[in-house]
């Protein structure tokens, strides 16, 4: 995809140390945005590598540790972004807690963990973004294709992501008059560390049901986000955009 200029913009990307989040941070950095590379505790080295790569490419980036399931740490991310760049123009909510299990086997504690990271954190981040992002800003939530594809063992995870999608749709109406767009991107099977770890048999199964006959790459999703946060996407808001190669 053609590079879209984000010169002078500041972006906060959660869960940006690897996989889809890393690809998004790198894409926005190449497009000229200053990037806060958020990472979960334990992924310092990976996040520093992402930030270093953006800087070496001529951009500006800072790796910042925060567990977004903790409201105080999540809010601090926004404050750090403003301290580093003076403003926050783009917010990409990518960090997620992915746990699978049947509804009957999922414990109350596991339910709370999933909703703390995937639903409550999205609520807090969307609220902070709505307050802090200036007119004309961009907010993107990375959701999941599983919200459209019921599969055994994914009910609670998909429900937690679907809750965030609903917040996105409503927030788009609440702040649209300020020219701020709010959208969700729903990746299908994507070649992240988790999918690679699942094994080739699982990957082959996903390929078999995908019209484009391959799994996605983190860069596929990053290019969609790169477009959504650009001025070219100014007329797209309140959408849940399927990004699964036609799978759903």
C-alpha atoms as a PDB file:
ATOM      1  CA  UNK A   1       0.000   0.000   0.000  1.00  0.00           C
ATOM      2  CA  UNK A   2       1.166   3.507  -0.801  1.00  0.00           C
ATOM      3  CA  UNK A   3       2.743   5.303   2.113  1.00  0.00           C
ATOM      4  CA  UNK A   4       0.354   7.812   3.665  1.00  0.00           C
ATOM      5  CA  UNK A   5       1.821  10.836   5.399  1.00  0.00           C
ATOM      6  CA  UNK A   6       1.365  11.070   9.162  1.00  0.00           C
ATOM      7  CA  UNK A   7       4.068  13.675   9.663  1.00  0.00           C
ATOM      8  CA  UNK A   8       3.546  15.589  12.894  1.00  0.00           C
ATOM      9  CA  UNK A   9       1.124  13.031  14.298  1.00  0.00           C
ATOM     10  CA  UNK A  10       1.594  11.057  17.515  1.00  0.00           C
ATOM     11  CA  UNK A  11       0.300   7.502  17.827  1.00  0.00           C
ATOM     12  CA  UNK A  12      -0.256   5.227  20.811  1.00  0.00           C
ATOM     13  CA  UNK A  13      -0.300   1.521  19.914  1.00  0.00           C
ATOM     14  CA  UNK A  14      -1.064  -0.960  22.675  1.00  0.00           C
ATOM     15  CA  UNK A  15       0.375  -4.469  22.569  1.00  0.00           C
ATOM     16  CA  UNK A  16       2.971  -3.396  20.036  1.00  0.00           C
ATOM     17  CA  UNK A  17       5.939  -5.625  20.888  1.00  0.00           C
ATOM     18  CA  UNK A  18       5.099  -8.397  18.424  1.00  0.00           C
ATOM     19  CA  UNK A  19       2.611  -9.725  15.908  1.00  0.00           C
ATOM     20  CA  UNK A  20      -0.077  -7.407  14.579  1.00  0.00           C
ATOM     21  CA  UNK A  21       0.726  -4.638  17.065  1.00  0.00           C
ATOM     22  CA  UNK A  22       4.359  -4.588  16.035  1.00  0.00           C
ATOM     23  CA  UNK A  23       3.464  -4.381  12.354  1.00  0.00           C
ATOM     24  CA  UNK A  24       1.071  -1.500  13.063  1.00  0.00           C
ATOM     25  CA  UNK A  25       3.641   0.442  15.083  1.00  0.00           C
ATOM     26  CA  UNK A  26       6.246  -0.037  12.359  1.00  0.00           C
ATOM     27  CA  UNK A  27       3.797   0.989   9.641  1.00  0.00           C
ATOM     28  CA  UNK A  28       2.767   4.176  11.439  1.00  0.00           C
ATOM     29  CA  UNK A  29       6.402   4.962  12.145  1.00  0.00           C
ATOM     30  CA  UNK A  30       7.288   4.624   8.455  1.00  0.00           C
ATOM     31  CA  UNK A  31       4.375   6.904   7.619  1.00  0.00           C
ATOM     32  CA  UNK A  32       5.888   9.606   9.805  1.00  0.00           C
ATOM     33  CA  UNK A  33       4.041   9.346  13.109  1.00  0.00           C
ATOM     34  CA  UNK A  34       5.814   9.406  16.440  1.00  0.00           C
ATOM     35  CA  UNK A  35       4.908   6.110  18.096  1.00  0.00           C
ATOM     36  CA  UNK A  36       4.480   4.958  21.682  1.00  0.00           C
ATOM     37  CA  UNK A  37       5.221   1.221  21.552  1.00  0.00           C
ATOM     38  CA  UNK A  38       3.306  -0.227  24.481  1.00  0.00           C
ATOM     39  CA  UNK A  39       4.275  -3.652  25.740  1.00  0.00           C
ATOM     40  CA  UNK A  40       3.150  -6.105  28.391  1.00  0.00           C
ATOM     41  CA  UNK A  41       5.603  -6.774  31.241  1.00  0.00           C
ATOM     42  CA  UNK A  42       8.148  -9.338  30.118  1.00  0.00           C
ATOM     43  CA  UNK A  43       8.376  -8.134  26.510  1.00  0.00           C
ATOM     44  CA  UNK A  44      10.821  -5.268  27.053  1.00  0.00           C
ATOM     45  CA  UNK A  45      13.453  -6.556  24.640  1.00  0.00           C
ATOM     46  CA  UNK A  46      10.980  -7.056  21.806  1.00  0.00           C
ATOM     47  CA  UNK A  47       9.429  -3.620  22.304  1.00  0.00           C
ATOM     48  CA  UNK A  48      12.804  -1.900  22.409  1.00  0.00           C
ATOM     49  CA  UNK A  49      13.669  -3.614  19.134  1.00  0.00           C
ATOM     50  CA  UNK A  50      10.490  -2.241  17.547  1.00  0.00           C
ATOM     51  CA  UNK A  51      11.166   1.288  18.800  1.00  0.00           C
ATOM     52  CA  UNK A  52      14.810   1.113  17.762  1.00  0.00           C
ATOM     53  CA  UNK A  53      13.846   0.026  14.255  1.00  0.00           C
ATOM     54  CA  UNK A  54      11.453   2.950  13.881  1.00  0.00           C
ATOM     55  CA  UNK A  55      14.127   5.401  15.029  1.00  0.00           C
ATOM     56  CA  UNK A  56      16.740   3.870  12.728  1.00  0.00           C
ATOM     57  CA  UNK A  57      14.270   4.349   9.876  1.00  0.00           C
ATOM     58  CA  UNK A  58      14.183   8.078  10.590  1.00  0.00           C
ATOM     59  CA  UNK A  59      11.140   8.093  12.861  1.00  0.00           C
ATOM     60  CA  UNK A  60      10.493   8.715  16.541  1.00  0.00           C
ATOM     61  CA  UNK A  61       9.405   6.042  19.016  1.00  0.00           C
ATOM     62  CA  UNK A  62       9.445   5.156  22.688  1.00  0.00           C
ATOM     63  CA  UNK A  63       8.780   1.743  24.248  1.00  0.00           C
ATOM     64  CA  UNK A  64       6.552   1.985  27.334  1.00  0.00           C
ATOM     65  CA  UNK A  65       5.604  -0.882  29.637  1.00  0.00           C
ATOM     66  CA  UNK A  66       2.005  -1.112  30.844  1.00  0.00           C
ATOM     67  CA  UNK A  67      -0.497  -3.836  31.605  1.00  0.00           C
ATOM     68  CA  UNK A  68      -3.642  -2.352  30.080  1.00  0.00           C
ATOM     69  CA  UNK A  69      -5.837  -4.514  32.309  1.00  0.00           C
ATOM     70  CA  UNK A  70      -4.782  -2.118  35.088  1.00  0.00           C
ATOM     71  CA  UNK A  71      -6.767   1.123  34.590  1.00  0.00           C
ATOM     72  CA  UNK A  72      -4.071   3.260  36.229  1.00  0.00           C
ATOM     73  CA  UNK A  73      -1.333   1.900  33.958  1.00  0.00           C
ATOM     74  CA  UNK A  74      -3.554   2.321  30.914  1.00  0.00           C
ATOM     75  CA  UNK A  75      -4.322   5.941  31.704  1.00  0.00           C
ATOM     76  CA  UNK A  76      -0.625   6.572  32.317  1.00  0.00           C
ATOM     77  CA  UNK A  77       0.071   5.475  28.726  1.00  0.00           C
ATOM     78  CA  UNK A  78      -1.949   8.403  27.443  1.00  0.00           C
ATOM     79  CA  UNK A  79      -0.153  10.787  29.786  1.00  0.00           C
ATOM     80  CA  UNK A  80       3.248   9.475  28.652  1.00  0.00           C
ATOM     81  CA  UNK A  81       2.257   9.921  25.012  1.00  0.00           C
ATOM     82  CA  UNK A  82       1.346  13.549  25.644  1.00  0.00           C
ATOM     83  CA  UNK A  83       4.523  14.115  27.626  1.00  0.00           C
ATOM     84  CA  UNK A  84       6.644  12.627  24.840  1.00  0.00           C
ATOM     85  CA  UNK A  85       4.987  14.231  21.820  1.00  0.00           C
ATOM     86  CA  UNK A  86       2.781  16.986  23.231  1.00  0.00           C
ATOM     87  CA  UNK A  87      -0.427  15.389  21.945  1.00  0.00           C
ATOM     88  CA  UNK A  88      -1.976  12.073  20.936  1.00  0.00           C
ATOM     89  CA  UNK A  89      -3.623  12.056  17.516  1.00  0.00           C
ATOM     90  CA  UNK A  90      -3.957   8.336  16.809  1.00  0.00           C
ATOM     91  CA  UNK A  91      -4.903   5.555  19.220  1.00  0.00           C
ATOM     92  CA  UNK A  92      -4.733   1.909  18.161  1.00  0.00           C
ATOM     93  CA  UNK A  93      -6.060  -0.591  20.689  1.00  0.00           C
ATOM     94  CA  UNK A  94      -4.368  -3.857  19.856  1.00  0.00           C
ATOM     95  CA  UNK A  95      -3.437  -5.521  23.156  1.00  0.00           C
ATOM     96  CA  UNK A  96      -5.659  -8.464  24.014  1.00  0.00           C
ATOM     97  CA  UNK A  97      -5.988 -11.429  26.324  1.00  0.00           C
ATOM     98  CA  UNK A  98      -6.623 -14.523  24.191  1.00  0.00           C
ATOM     99  CA  UNK A  99      -7.893 -17.571  26.038  1.00  0.00           C
ATOM    100  CA  UNK A 100     -10.026 -20.322  24.546  1.00  0.00           C
ATOM    101  CA  UNK A 101     -12.298 -22.729  26.355  1.00  0.00           C
ATOM    102  CA  UNK A 102     -15.883 -23.884  26.239  1.00  0.00           C
ATOM    103  CA  UNK A 103     -18.446 -21.778  28.034  1.00  0.00           C
ATOM    104  CA  UNK A 104     -19.053 -24.543  30.574  1.00  0.00           C
ATOM    105  CA  UNK A 105     -15.335 -24.947  31.272  1.00  0.00           C
ATOM    106  CA  UNK A 106     -14.560 -21.236  31.597  1.00  0.00           C
ATOM    107  CA  UNK A 107     -14.277 -20.159  35.221  1.00  0.00           C
ATOM    108  CA  UNK A 108     -15.633 -16.926  36.632  1.00  0.00           C
ATOM    109  CA  UNK A 109     -12.043 -15.779  37.150  1.00  0.00           C
ATOM    110  CA  UNK A 110     -11.126 -16.451  33.507  1.00  0.00           C
ATOM    111  CA  UNK A 111     -14.220 -14.547  32.385  1.00  0.00           C
ATOM    112  CA  UNK A 112     -13.156 -11.577  34.498  1.00  0.00           C
ATOM    113  CA  UNK A 113      -9.595 -11.713  33.113  1.00  0.00           C
ATOM    114  CA  UNK A 114     -10.786 -11.684  29.513  1.00  0.00           C
ATOM    115  CA  UNK A 115     -13.251  -8.866  30.028  1.00  0.00           C
ATOM    116  CA  UNK A 116     -10.737  -6.814  32.046  1.00  0.00           C
ATOM    117  CA  UNK A 117      -8.295  -6.713  29.135  1.00  0.00           C
ATOM    118  CA  UNK A 118     -10.584  -6.913  26.122  1.00  0.00           C
ATOM    119  CA  UNK A 119     -13.707  -5.033  27.211  1.00  0.00           C
ATOM    120  CA  UNK A 120     -12.998  -2.860  30.270  1.00  0.00           C
ATOM    121  CA  UNK A 121      -9.612  -1.716  28.946  1.00  0.00           C
ATOM    122  CA  UNK A 122     -11.235  -0.852  25.619  1.00  0.00           C
ATOM    123  CA  UNK A 123     -13.870   1.183  27.460  1.00  0.00           C
ATOM    124  CA  UNK A 124     -11.235   3.104  29.420  1.00  0.00           C
ATOM    125  CA  UNK A 125      -8.976   3.603  26.403  1.00  0.00           C
ATOM    126  CA  UNK A 126     -11.838   4.757  24.185  1.00  0.00           C
ATOM    127  CA  UNK A 127     -12.952   7.194  26.873  1.00  0.00           C
ATOM    128  CA  UNK A 128      -9.430   8.557  27.336  1.00  0.00           C
ATOM    129  CA  UNK A 129      -8.989   8.826  23.572  1.00  0.00           C
ATOM    130  CA  UNK A 130     -12.298  10.675  23.187  1.00  0.00           C
ATOM    131  CA  UNK A 131     -11.163  13.203  25.786  1.00  0.00           C
ATOM    132  CA  UNK A 132      -7.562  13.633  24.626  1.00  0.00           C
ATOM    133  CA  UNK A 133      -7.513  13.148  20.852  1.00  0.00           C
ATOM    134  CA  UNK A 134      -7.886  16.467  19.015  1.00  0.00           C
ATOM    135  CA  UNK A 135     -10.455  17.173  16.336  1.00  0.00           C
ATOM    136  CA  UNK A 136      -9.716  15.140  13.231  1.00  0.00           C
ATOM    137  CA  UNK A 137      -8.023  12.358  15.212  1.00  0.00           C
ATOM    138  CA  UNK A 138      -8.223   8.627  14.615  1.00  0.00           C
ATOM    139  CA  UNK A 139      -9.155   5.721  16.885  1.00  0.00           C
ATOM    140  CA  UNK A 140      -8.898   2.082  15.784  1.00  0.00           C
ATOM    141  CA  UNK A 141      -9.643  -1.037  17.820  1.00  0.00           C
ATOM    142  CA  UNK A 142      -8.273  -4.396  16.711  1.00  0.00           C
ATOM    143  CA  UNK A 143     -11.090  -6.848  17.288  1.00  0.00           C
ATOM    144  CA  UNK A 144     -11.433 -10.448  16.082  1.00  0.00           C
ATOM    145  CA  UNK A 145     -13.085 -12.255  13.210  1.00  0.00           C
ATOM    146  CA  UNK A 146     -14.382 -14.715  15.795  1.00  0.00           C
ATOM    147  CA  UNK A 147     -17.070 -12.157  16.684  1.00  0.00           C
ATOM    148  CA  UNK A 148     -18.615 -13.078  13.312  1.00  0.00           C
ATOM    149  CA  UNK A 149     -17.652 -16.760  13.200  1.00  0.00           C
ATOM    150  CA  UNK A 150     -19.059 -18.790  16.103  1.00  0.00           C
ATOM    151  CA  UNK A 151     -16.619 -21.549  16.959  1.00  0.00           C
ATOM    152  CA  UNK A 152     -16.681 -23.916  19.924  1.00  0.00           C
ATOM    153  CA  UNK A 153     -14.280 -22.821  22.627  1.00  0.00           C
ATOM    154  CA  UNK A 154     -14.214 -19.138  21.673  1.00  0.00           C
ATOM    155  CA  UNK A 155     -17.448 -17.814  23.177  1.00  0.00           C
ATOM    156  CA  UNK A 156     -16.166 -15.759  26.100  1.00  0.00           C
ATOM    157  CA  UNK A 157     -13.177 -14.381  24.195  1.00  0.00           C
ATOM    158  CA  UNK A 158     -15.384 -13.398  21.238  1.00  0.00           C
ATOM    159  CA  UNK A 159     -17.947 -11.837  23.561  1.00  0.00           C
ATOM    160  CA  UNK A 160     -15.286  -9.674  25.207  1.00  0.00           C
ATOM    161  CA  UNK A 161     -14.144  -8.422  21.798  1.00  0.00           C
ATOM    162  CA  UNK A 162     -17.705  -7.870  20.583  1.00  0.00           C
ATOM    163  CA  UNK A 163     -18.355  -5.656  23.594  1.00  0.00           C
ATOM    164  CA  UNK A 164     -15.527  -3.395  22.459  1.00  0.00           C
ATOM    165  CA  UNK A 165     -16.954  -3.323  18.922  1.00  0.00           C
ATOM    166  CA  UNK A 166     -20.245  -1.992  20.275  1.00  0.00           C
ATOM    167  CA  UNK A 167     -18.431   0.742  22.176  1.00  0.00           C
ATOM    168  CA  UNK A 168     -16.643   1.686  18.951  1.00  0.00           C
ATOM    169  CA  UNK A 169     -19.884   1.991  17.000  1.00  0.00           C
ATOM    170  CA  UNK A 170     -21.505   4.192  19.639  1.00  0.00           C
ATOM    171  CA  UNK A 171     -18.448   6.375  20.255  1.00  0.00           C
ATOM    172  CA  UNK A 172     -18.254   7.100  16.521  1.00  0.00           C
ATOM    173  CA  UNK A 173     -21.655   8.800  16.845  1.00  0.00           C
ATOM    174  CA  UNK A 174     -20.778  10.586  20.062  1.00  0.00           C
ATOM    175  CA  UNK A 175     -17.610  12.308  18.816  1.00  0.00           C
ATOM    176  CA  UNK A 176     -18.114  12.291  15.050  1.00  0.00           C
ATOM    177  CA  UNK A 177     -18.972  15.992  14.945  1.00  0.00           C
ATOM    178  CA  UNK A 178     -15.330  16.658  15.879  1.00  0.00           C
ATOM    179  CA  UNK A 179     -14.106  14.890  12.769  1.00  0.00           C
ATOM    180  CA  UNK A 180     -12.717  11.975  14.806  1.00  0.00           C
ATOM    181  CA  UNK A 181     -13.209   8.560  13.227  1.00  0.00           C
ATOM    182  CA  UNK A 182     -13.611   5.403  15.313  1.00  0.00           C
ATOM    183  CA  UNK A 183     -13.435   1.961  13.722  1.00  0.00           C
ATOM    184  CA  UNK A 184     -12.769  -1.692  14.486  1.00  0.00           C
ATOM    185  CA  UNK A 185     -10.678  -4.048  12.366  1.00  0.00           C
ATOM    186  CA  UNK A 186     -11.521  -7.747  12.617  1.00  0.00           C
ATOM    187  CA  UNK A 187      -8.558  -9.931  11.611  1.00  0.00           C
ATOM    188  CA  UNK A 188      -9.135 -13.494  10.529  1.00  0.00           C
ATOM    189  CA  UNK A 189      -6.445 -16.155  10.791  1.00  0.00           C
ATOM    190  CA  UNK A 190      -3.213 -14.153  10.869  1.00  0.00           C
ATOM    191  CA  UNK A 191       0.360 -15.417  11.022  1.00  0.00           C
ATOM    192  CA  UNK A 192       1.101 -14.255  14.545  1.00  0.00           C
ATOM    193  CA  UNK A 193       3.276 -16.109  17.086  1.00  0.00           C
ATOM    194  CA  UNK A 194       0.116 -17.716  18.500  1.00  0.00           C
ATOM    195  CA  UNK A 195      -0.947 -19.145  15.136  1.00  0.00           C
ATOM    196  CA  UNK A 196       2.568 -20.329  14.363  1.00  0.00           C
ATOM    197  CA  UNK A 197       2.673 -22.069  17.723  1.00  0.00           C
ATOM    198  CA  UNK A 198      -0.639 -23.786  16.944  1.00  0.00           C
ATOM    199  CA  UNK A 199       1.105 -25.698  14.177  1.00  0.00           C
ATOM    200  CA  UNK A 200       0.989 -26.232  10.430  1.00  0.00           C
ATOM    201  CA  UNK A 201      -2.102 -28.444  10.569  1.00  0.00           C
ATOM    202  CA  UNK A 202      -4.093 -25.583  12.088  1.00  0.00           C
ATOM    203  CA  UNK A 203      -2.693 -23.121   9.552  1.00  0.00           C
ATOM    204  CA  UNK A 204      -3.578 -25.451   6.683  1.00  0.00           C
ATOM    205  CA  UNK A 205      -7.120 -25.772   8.049  1.00  0.00           C
ATOM    206  CA  UNK A 206      -7.531 -21.975   8.061  1.00  0.00           C
ATOM    207  CA  UNK A 207      -6.154 -21.711   4.527  1.00  0.00           C
ATOM    208  CA  UNK A 208      -8.670 -24.288   3.342  1.00  0.00           C
ATOM    209  CA  UNK A 209     -11.644 -22.122   4.361  1.00  0.00           C
ATOM    210  CA  UNK A 210     -10.234 -18.761   3.247  1.00  0.00           C
ATOM    211  CA  UNK A 211     -11.255 -17.615  -0.267  1.00  0.00           C
ATOM    212  CA  UNK A 212      -7.862 -15.981  -0.896  1.00  0.00           C
ATOM    213  CA  UNK A 213      -6.239 -19.339  -0.048  1.00  0.00           C
ATOM    214  CA  UNK A 214      -3.744 -18.114   2.531  1.00  0.00           C
ATOM    215  CA  UNK A 215      -3.645 -16.844   6.066  1.00  0.00           C
ATOM    216  CA  UNK A 216      -3.138 -13.162   6.676  1.00  0.00           C
ATOM    217  CA  UNK A 217       0.075 -11.498   7.749  1.00  0.00           C
ATOM    218  CA  UNK A 218       0.474  -8.822  10.412  1.00  0.00           C
ATOM    219  CA  UNK A 219       1.405  -6.449   7.579  1.00  0.00           C
ATOM    220  CA  UNK A 220      -1.984  -7.074   5.924  1.00  0.00           C
ATOM    221  CA  UNK A 221      -3.698  -5.759   9.033  1.00  0.00           C
ATOM    222  CA  UNK A 222      -1.192  -2.937   9.503  1.00  0.00           C
ATOM    223  CA  UNK A 223      -1.876  -1.650   5.994  1.00  0.00           C
ATOM    224  CA  UNK A 224      -5.601  -1.465   6.735  1.00  0.00           C
ATOM    225  CA  UNK A 225      -4.911   0.453   9.939  1.00  0.00           C
ATOM    226  CA  UNK A 226      -2.478   2.702   8.091  1.00  0.00           C
ATOM    227  CA  UNK A 227      -5.271   3.629   5.714  1.00  0.00           C
ATOM    228  CA  UNK A 228      -7.889   4.114   8.440  1.00  0.00           C
ATOM    229  CA  UNK A 229      -5.730   6.573  10.389  1.00  0.00           C
ATOM    230  CA  UNK A 230      -4.913   8.588   7.270  1.00  0.00           C
ATOM    231  CA  UNK A 231      -6.848  11.536   5.865  1.00  0.00           C
ATOM    232  CA  UNK A 232      -7.922   9.341   2.951  1.00  0.00           C
ATOM    233  CA  UNK A 233     -10.222   7.439   5.335  1.00  0.00           C
ATOM    234  CA  UNK A 234     -11.896  10.533   6.748  1.00  0.00           C
ATOM    235  CA  UNK A 235     -15.342   9.353   5.550  1.00  0.00           C
ATOM    236  CA  UNK A 236     -15.161   5.945   7.239  1.00  0.00           C
ATOM    237  CA  UNK A 237     -16.318   5.706  10.840  1.00  0.00           C
ATOM    238  CA  UNK A 238     -18.371   3.477  13.125  1.00  0.00           C
ATOM    239  CA  UNK A 239     -17.395   0.414  11.091  1.00  0.00           C
ATOM    240  CA  UNK A 240     -16.347  -3.114  12.001  1.00  0.00           C
ATOM    241  CA  UNK A 241     -14.159  -3.970   9.046  1.00  0.00           C
ATOM    242  CA  UNK A 242     -13.614  -7.626   8.224  1.00  0.00           C
ATOM    243  CA  UNK A 243      -9.980  -8.393   7.440  1.00  0.00           C
ATOM    244  CA  UNK A 244      -9.993 -12.130   6.942  1.00  0.00           C
ATOM    245  CA  UNK A 245      -9.382 -12.673   3.245  1.00  0.00           C
ATOM    246  CA  UNK A 246     -13.097 -13.325   2.698  1.00  0.00           C
ATOM    247  CA  UNK A 247     -13.374 -15.896   5.505  1.00  0.00           C
ATOM    248  CA  UNK A 248     -16.289 -13.970   7.060  1.00  0.00           C
END
